[in-house]
Amino acid sequence: MSREVDYVISLGGNCRTAWNVRRFFNFSTAFPFDWWITPWRALNELLSDFDIDRLYCPDLLEEVKTKDGAIASIRHRELGIILQHEFPRDWNSPGNPVCGDWGESIATPKRRTRYLLDRFVSLDTPGTRILFVRNTLHRPVDGTNTISPGVTTERLRALFPLANIHLLLINCPIEANDLGVSHLDFDDEAKDWRGDWEVWHRAFKSTGFRLANSALPTFDKGAEPESQIEKSLF
């Protein structure tokens, strides 16, 4: 595959990946996995069957609470996906907890995700060059027994049979013996959710991949996940 691509898409596992992918390749187009914390098993399951009704089923969404009882985030009970930026937060309270009436707001992220999914699958056109990027989380959400790059590649090829695709795996402990997969390893210990931009920049630069699509809107450096909720619909 040429190192020049038409689209670069984050497959998680968290929003740090999406932010650095967008910044380095200089675009702001949103895709479904950008702002979630997505375990590898859930990624593969959604690539096979992206059931939006199941993803936002109220009976399958649970609150993740802090020690003081505040709602830190919302998690899907079966998939394990943490919908960190999907629901309104109380920005005037310490820790910015999710609002207690979050269940009344499910329609908005559900609508957005449906829109982004349509955009995602519409990229399967003859010759379209797509670079997918997956960052393995150094945390229990991605145990080595759940990391399965071979399954991911197989399902991406099934979902995008007409496109030319490549998968870039960051800090993946399992080697993928596949010409359509590259590995990138580096340390990013920054505590800010964006990570260490300079580290990511050097790492991406070393791959030689370049985005060649002037039709995409350029990166908004000041953007944060919560500010992208409705913007991603346009």
Protein backbone atom coordinates (compact mmCIF):
# COMPACT_ATOMS: atom_id res chain seq x y z
CA MET A 1 0.00 0.00 0.00
CA SER A 2 1.20 3.48 -0.79
CA ARG A 3 2.13 5.63 2.21
CA GLU A 4 -0.23 8.27 0.83
CA VAL A 5 -3.80 7.80 2.05
CA ASP A 6 -7.22 9.39 1.59
CA TYR A 7 -8.51 8.87 5.14
CA VAL A 8 -7.05 8.18 8.57
CA ILE A 9 -9.43 6.64 11.09
CA SER A 10 -8.92 6.01 14.80
CA LEU A 11 -10.13 2.67 16.14
CA GLY A 12 -9.45 3.67 19.75
CA GLY A 13 -8.79 2.50 22.32
CA ASN A 14 -9.35 6.06 23.63
CA CYS A 15 -9.71 9.71 22.66
CA ARG A 16 -5.95 10.35 22.92
CA THR A 17 -5.51 8.38 19.73
CA ALA A 18 -8.14 10.34 17.81
CA TRP A 19 -6.84 13.72 18.91
CA ASN A 20 -3.24 12.96 17.91
CA VAL A 21 -4.26 11.32 14.64
CA ARG A 22 -6.29 14.39 13.72
CA ARG A 23 -3.58 16.81 14.76
CA PHE A 24 -0.72 15.09 12.94
CA PHE A 25 -2.63 14.44 9.73
CA ASN A 26 -4.42 17.83 9.96
CA PHE A 27 -8.11 16.98 9.61
CA SER A 28 -11.19 17.18 11.82
CA THR A 29 -13.61 14.70 10.25
CA ALA A 30 -15.17 12.50 12.94
CA PHE A 31 -15.67 8.73 12.95
CA PRO A 32 -17.49 6.37 15.36
CA PHE A 33 -14.66 5.21 17.64
CA ASP A 34 -12.98 8.59 18.16
CA TRP A 35 -14.11 9.51 21.67
CA TRP A 36 -14.91 6.16 23.30
CA ILE A 37 -12.77 3.93 25.50
CA THR A 38 -13.19 0.75 23.51
CA PRO A 39 -11.85 -2.67 24.56
CA TRP A 40 -10.44 -4.70 21.70
CA ARG A 41 -13.14 -7.36 21.99
CA ALA A 42 -15.83 -4.70 21.64
CA LEU A 43 -14.07 -3.18 18.62
CA ASN A 44 -14.06 -6.50 16.80
CA GLU A 45 -17.67 -7.18 17.73
CA LEU A 46 -18.84 -3.82 16.38
CA LEU A 47 -16.82 -4.22 13.19
CA SER A 48 -18.77 -7.42 12.63
CA ASP A 49 -22.20 -6.17 13.73
CA PHE A 50 -22.52 -2.47 14.61
CA ASP A 51 -25.89 -2.62 16.35
CA ILE A 52 -26.64 0.96 17.41
CA ASP A 53 -29.85 0.04 19.20
CA ARG A 54 -27.94 -2.42 21.36
CA LEU A 55 -25.13 0.06 21.97
CA TYR A 56 -27.55 2.65 23.38
CA CYS A 57 -30.03 0.28 24.98
CA PRO A 58 -30.88 1.92 28.36
CA ASP A 59 -31.00 -1.48 30.08
CA LEU A 60 -27.39 -2.17 29.04
CA LEU A 61 -25.93 1.18 30.08
CA GLU A 62 -24.60 1.49 33.62
CA GLU A 63 -23.11 4.28 35.69
CA VAL A 64 -19.45 4.17 36.68
CA LYS A 65 -19.25 5.99 39.98
CA THR A 66 -16.44 7.50 42.02
CA LYS A 67 -15.96 6.77 45.73
CA ASP A 68 -18.09 9.78 46.63
CA GLY A 69 -20.98 8.57 44.46
CA ALA A 70 -20.54 10.95 41.52
CA ILE A 71 -21.09 9.53 38.03
CA ALA A 72 -17.68 9.48 36.35
CA SER A 73 -18.86 7.93 33.08
CA ILE A 74 -21.35 5.61 31.43
CA ARG A 75 -20.36 2.07 30.44
CA HIS A 76 -22.01 -0.54 28.24
CA ARG A 77 -22.51 -3.58 30.44
CA GLU A 78 -21.93 -6.20 27.74
CA LEU A 79 -19.41 -4.53 25.43
CA GLY A 80 -17.42 -2.79 28.15
CA ILE A 81 -17.24 0.40 26.08
CA ILE A 82 -17.00 3.54 28.21
CA LEU A 83 -19.03 6.35 26.65
CA GLN A 84 -16.88 9.00 28.26
CA HIS A 85 -18.10 12.01 26.29
CA GLU A 86 -21.61 11.03 25.23
CA PHE A 87 -23.74 12.59 27.94
CA PRO A 88 -24.13 16.03 29.57
CA ARG A 89 -21.83 16.82 32.49
CA ASP A 90 -22.08 19.19 35.43
CA TRP A 91 -19.21 21.55 34.66
CA ASN A 92 -19.75 23.47 37.92
CA SER A 93 -19.12 20.47 40.19
CA PRO A 94 -15.71 19.01 41.16
CA GLY A 95 -14.62 16.34 38.70
CA ASN A 96 -17.31 17.39 36.18
CA PRO A 97 -19.56 14.35 36.79
CA VAL A 98 -22.15 13.12 34.33
CA CYS A 99 -25.54 14.66 35.08
CA GLY A 100 -27.96 12.43 36.95
CA ASP A 101 -30.60 12.70 34.23
CA TRP A 102 -28.22 11.44 31.52
CA GLY A 103 -30.73 8.77 30.49
CA GLU A 104 -32.96 11.44 29.01
CA SER A 105 -30.20 12.39 26.55
CA ILE A 106 -29.61 9.03 24.87
CA ALA A 107 -31.24 10.12 21.61
CA THR A 108 -28.50 12.68 20.86
CA PRO A 109 -25.43 10.39 20.92
CA LYS A 110 -27.45 7.64 19.26
CA ARG A 111 -28.31 9.98 16.39
CA ARG A 112 -24.72 11.14 16.12
CA THR A 113 -23.30 7.63 16.10
CA ARG A 114 -25.73 6.56 13.37
CA TYR A 115 -24.56 9.51 11.27
CA LEU A 116 -20.89 8.70 11.86
CA LEU A 117 -21.41 5.02 11.11
CA ASP A 118 -23.01 5.90 7.77
CA ARG A 119 -19.97 8.07 7.00
CA PHE A 120 -17.62 5.28 8.10
CA VAL A 121 -19.04 2.54 5.86
CA SER A 122 -19.56 4.90 2.91
CA LEU A 123 -15.78 5.10 2.49
CA ASP A 124 -15.73 1.65 0.88
CA THR A 125 -15.27 2.71 -2.71
CA PRO A 126 -12.87 1.28 -5.31
CA GLY A 127 -9.31 2.36 -4.67
CA THR A 128 -9.98 4.51 -1.59
CA ARG A 129 -6.89 4.37 0.63
CA ILE A 130 -7.66 4.14 4.35
CA LEU A 131 -5.25 4.02 7.26
CA PHE A 132 -6.79 2.67 10.47
CA VAL A 133 -4.98 3.37 13.75
CA ARG A 134 -5.47 1.35 16.95
CA ASN A 135 -3.66 2.19 20.19
CA THR A 136 -3.45 -0.64 22.71
CA LEU A 137 -4.26 0.61 26.19
CA HIS A 138 -1.83 -0.23 28.97
CA ARG A 139 -4.69 -1.01 31.30
CA PRO A 140 -6.99 -3.96 32.19
CA VAL A 141 -9.50 -2.96 29.51
CA ASP A 142 -7.18 -4.59 26.97
CA GLY A 143 -5.77 -7.75 28.50
CA THR A 144 -3.45 -9.74 26.24
CA ASN A 145 -6.07 -12.49 26.01
CA THR A 146 -8.44 -10.04 24.25
CA ILE A 147 -5.95 -8.44 21.84
CA SER A 148 -6.67 -9.91 18.42
CA PRO A 149 -5.23 -7.86 15.52
CA GLY A 150 -5.80 -10.74 13.11
CA VAL A 151 -9.54 -10.67 13.75
CA THR A 152 -9.57 -6.88 13.42
CA THR A 153 -7.82 -6.98 10.05
CA GLU A 154 -10.11 -9.73 8.81
CA ARG A 155 -13.23 -7.78 9.76
CA LEU A 156 -11.94 -4.52 8.31
CA ARG A 157 -11.33 -6.25 5.00
CA ALA A 158 -14.83 -7.71 5.08
CA LEU A 159 -16.31 -4.29 5.84
CA PHE A 160 -14.20 -2.45 3.23
CA PRO A 161 -13.74 -4.97 0.38
CA LEU A 162 -13.33 -2.30 -2.31
CA ALA A 163 -10.89 -0.04 -0.47
CA ASN A 164 -7.15 -0.35 0.04
CA ILE A 165 -6.74 -0.55 3.79
CA HIS A 166 -3.84 -0.62 6.23
CA LEU A 167 -3.88 -1.08 9.99
CA LEU A 168 -1.32 0.72 12.18
CA LEU A 169 -1.04 -0.82 15.65
CA ILE A 170 0.47 1.27 18.43
CA ASN A 171 2.12 -0.47 21.40
CA CYS A 172 0.56 -3.81 20.50
CA PRO A 173 2.23 -6.72 22.36
CA ILE A 174 1.09 -9.23 19.75
CA GLU A 175 2.90 -9.24 16.42
CA ALA A 176 0.62 -9.32 13.39
CA ASN A 177 2.17 -11.33 10.57
CA ASP A 178 0.33 -9.45 7.84
CA LEU A 179 1.62 -7.14 5.12
CA GLY A 180 -1.43 -4.95 5.67
CA VAL A 181 -0.47 -4.26 9.28
CA SER A 182 2.32 -2.06 10.69
CA HIS A 183 3.53 -1.73 14.25
CA LEU A 184 4.59 1.43 16.08
CA ASP A 185 5.98 1.44 19.61
CA PHE A 186 6.63 4.44 21.83
CA ASP A 187 6.08 5.64 25.40
CA ASP A 188 3.64 8.39 26.24
CA GLU A 189 3.35 8.89 29.98
CA ALA A 190 1.66 12.30 29.85
CA LYS A 191 -1.29 12.66 32.22
CA ASP A 192 -3.24 15.09 30.05
CA TRP A 193 -5.90 13.31 27.99
CA ARG A 194 -4.20 14.42 24.77
CA GLY A 195 -0.91 12.81 25.70
CA ASP A 196 2.52 14.11 24.72
CA TRP A 197 2.03 15.69 21.32
CA GLU A 198 5.73 15.77 20.44
CA VAL A 199 6.08 12.04 21.10
CA TRP A 200 3.10 11.25 18.90
CA HIS A 201 4.33 13.59 16.18
CA ARG A 202 7.74 11.92 15.98
CA ALA A 203 6.17 8.48 15.99
CA PHE A 204 3.69 9.20 13.20
CA LYS A 205 6.36 10.96 11.16
CA SER A 206 8.54 7.86 11.29
CA THR A 207 5.86 5.79 9.52
CA GLY A 208 5.94 7.88 6.35
CA PHE A 209 2.16 7.91 6.05
CA ARG A 210 0.73 11.12 4.59
CA LEU A 211 -2.89 12.24 4.24
CA ALA A 212 -3.60 13.46 0.71
CA ASN A 213 -7.19 14.69 0.81
CA SER A 214 -7.61 18.45 0.55
CA ALA A 215 -11.40 18.10 0.75
CA LEU A 216 -11.29 17.29 4.48
CA PRO A 217 -11.74 20.14 7.01
CA THR A 218 -8.51 21.01 8.80
CA PHE A 219 -7.75 20.23 12.43
CA ASP A 220 -9.17 22.42 15.18
CA LYS A 221 -6.41 22.60 17.79
CA GLY A 222 -8.74 23.86 20.48
CA ALA A 223 -11.30 21.12 20.02
CA GLU A 224 -12.14 18.79 22.89
CA PRO A 225 -14.44 15.76 22.77
CA GLU A 226 -17.40 17.51 24.38
CA SER A 227 -17.19 20.36 21.87
CA GLN A 228 -17.48 17.89 19.01
CA ILE A 229 -20.86 16.43 19.98
CA GLU A 230 -22.95 18.34 17.47
CA LYS A 231 -20.12 19.51 15.20
CA SER A 232 -19.57 15.91 14.10
CA LEU A 233 -22.99 15.97 12.45
CA PHE A 234 -21.94 18.53 9.88
